[in-house]
Amino acid sequence: GEVVWAKVRGFPWWPGLVKKIITRVNKHDTTYKECKIIVNFIGDNSHAELPSNKIDKFSNNFEEYSKTKNKALLNSIQLAKKIISGEISSDKYLMKDNKENVIIF
């Protein structure tokens, strides 16, 4: 449920909410782990499964990421600020599911 910046190729950094962190562990080699983060994008009705290097804390690089004339992005940034302040609930951006967070392959 943390508000973050997320980056998908071809799009600017966009505010989103962490829905889930998935760790994949190989049952034959327990030292191998892969981590993906599912992010629901704020104000966009979309989501993505991203590696951790495509996620940044919302407070990090705020000036750089929020420097835009894109109205949809500016609206999403305002919504993200309202979620952080508690002015609006993040519930509508976080669809619940019962899938496991650890996948063994």
Protein backbone atom coordinates (compact mmCIF):
# COMPACT_ATOMS: atom_id res chain seq x y z
CA GLY A 1 0.00 0.00 0.00
CA GLU A 2 3.01 2.33 -0.05
CA VAL A 3 2.89 5.20 -2.56
CA VAL A 4 5.88 4.97 -4.91
CA TRP A 5 7.14 6.13 -8.28
CA ALA A 6 7.13 3.37 -10.88
CA LYS A 7 8.70 3.30 -14.35
CA VAL A 8 7.38 1.41 -17.35
CA ARG A 9 9.33 1.65 -20.61
CA GLY A 10 7.83 4.29 -22.89
CA PHE A 11 6.13 6.19 -20.05
CA PRO A 12 7.32 8.74 -17.49
CA TRP A 13 7.81 7.85 -13.84
CA TRP A 14 4.25 7.57 -12.48
CA PRO A 15 2.80 7.44 -8.96
CA GLY A 16 1.50 4.07 -7.91
CA LEU A 17 0.64 1.92 -4.94
CA VAL A 18 2.54 -1.25 -4.13
CA LYS A 19 -0.03 -4.03 -4.34
CA LYS A 20 2.25 -6.97 -3.73
CA ILE A 21 5.87 -8.02 -3.56
CA ILE A 22 6.47 -11.42 -5.13
CA THR A 23 9.58 -13.40 -4.31
CA ARG A 24 10.36 -16.40 -6.49
CA VAL A 25 12.63 -19.03 -4.98
CA ASN A 26 14.11 -21.96 -6.90
CA LYS A 27 13.52 -25.14 -4.87
CA HIS A 28 16.79 -26.61 -6.18
CA ASP A 29 18.94 -23.56 -5.45
CA THR A 30 17.69 -21.67 -2.41
CA THR A 31 20.26 -18.92 -2.93
CA TYR A 32 18.48 -17.79 -6.12
CA LYS A 33 15.70 -15.31 -5.51
CA GLU A 34 13.84 -13.04 -7.87
CA CYS A 35 11.76 -10.15 -6.60
CA LYS A 36 9.02 -8.44 -8.58
CA ILE A 37 6.71 -5.70 -7.34
CA ILE A 38 3.14 -5.34 -8.55
CA VAL A 39 2.17 -1.68 -8.69
CA ASN A 40 -1.31 -0.26 -9.29
CA PHE A 41 -0.91 3.09 -11.03
CA ILE A 42 -2.82 5.96 -9.44
CA GLY A 43 -5.40 7.63 -11.67
CA ASP A 44 -4.68 5.26 -14.55
CA ASN A 45 -6.61 2.02 -13.83
CA SER A 46 -3.59 -0.07 -14.84
CA HIS A 47 -0.92 -2.09 -13.11
CA ALA A 48 2.45 -3.66 -13.84
CA GLU A 49 4.79 -6.27 -12.40
CA LEU A 50 8.17 -4.55 -12.20
CA PRO A 51 11.68 -5.28 -10.95
CA SER A 52 12.75 -3.32 -7.89
CA ASN A 53 15.06 -1.05 -9.94
CA LYS A 54 11.94 0.39 -11.63
CA ILE A 55 10.46 1.48 -8.29
CA ASP A 56 11.47 4.54 -6.27
CA LYS A 57 10.18 6.03 -3.02
CA PHE A 58 7.66 8.80 -3.67
CA SER A 59 9.79 11.33 -1.78
CA ASN A 60 12.89 10.47 -3.85
CA ASN A 61 13.48 12.59 -6.94
CA PHE A 62 10.07 14.22 -6.48
CA GLU A 63 11.11 17.47 -8.17
CA GLU A 64 12.51 15.64 -11.20
CA TYR A 65 9.65 13.16 -11.64
CA SER A 66 6.87 15.71 -11.08
CA LYS A 67 8.27 18.28 -13.52
CA THR A 68 5.71 17.85 -16.30
CA LYS A 69 2.90 19.48 -18.23
CA ASN A 70 1.08 16.15 -18.65
CA LYS A 71 -2.32 16.80 -17.02
CA ALA A 72 -3.03 13.13 -16.31
CA LEU A 73 0.32 12.78 -14.54
CA LEU A 74 -0.22 16.00 -12.57
CA ASN A 75 -3.66 14.75 -11.46
CA SER A 76 -2.15 11.42 -10.41
CA ILE A 77 0.52 13.22 -8.39
CA GLN A 78 -2.18 15.22 -6.59
CA LEU A 79 -4.11 12.00 -5.84
CA ALA A 80 -0.92 10.39 -4.53
CA LYS A 81 -0.35 13.34 -2.18
CA LYS A 82 -3.94 13.03 -0.91
CA ILE A 83 -3.45 9.30 -0.27
CA ILE A 84 -0.24 9.98 1.65
CA SER A 85 -1.93 12.68 3.75
CA GLY A 86 -4.89 10.39 4.48
CA GLU A 87 -7.32 12.74 2.76
CA ILE A 88 -8.49 9.91 0.48
CA SER A 89 -8.32 6.15 0.86
CA SER A 90 -5.97 3.97 -1.16
CA ASP A 91 -8.48 1.09 -1.08
CA LYS A 92 -9.92 1.75 -4.53
CA TYR A 93 -6.45 1.49 -6.04
CA LEU A 94 -5.60 -1.79 -4.30
CA MET A 95 -7.64 -4.74 -5.54
CA LYS A 96 -7.32 -7.59 -3.06
CA ASP A 97 -6.44 -11.16 -3.99
CA ASN A 98 -5.49 -14.32 -2.15
CA LYS A 99 -2.47 -15.41 -4.18
CA GLU A 100 0.72 -16.35 -2.38
CA ASN A 101 3.61 -13.89 -2.25
CA VAL A 102 6.25 -16.62 -2.56
CA ILE A 103 6.39 -18.79 -5.63
CA ILE A 104 8.61 -21.88 -5.65
CA PHE A 105 9.66 -23.24 -9.04
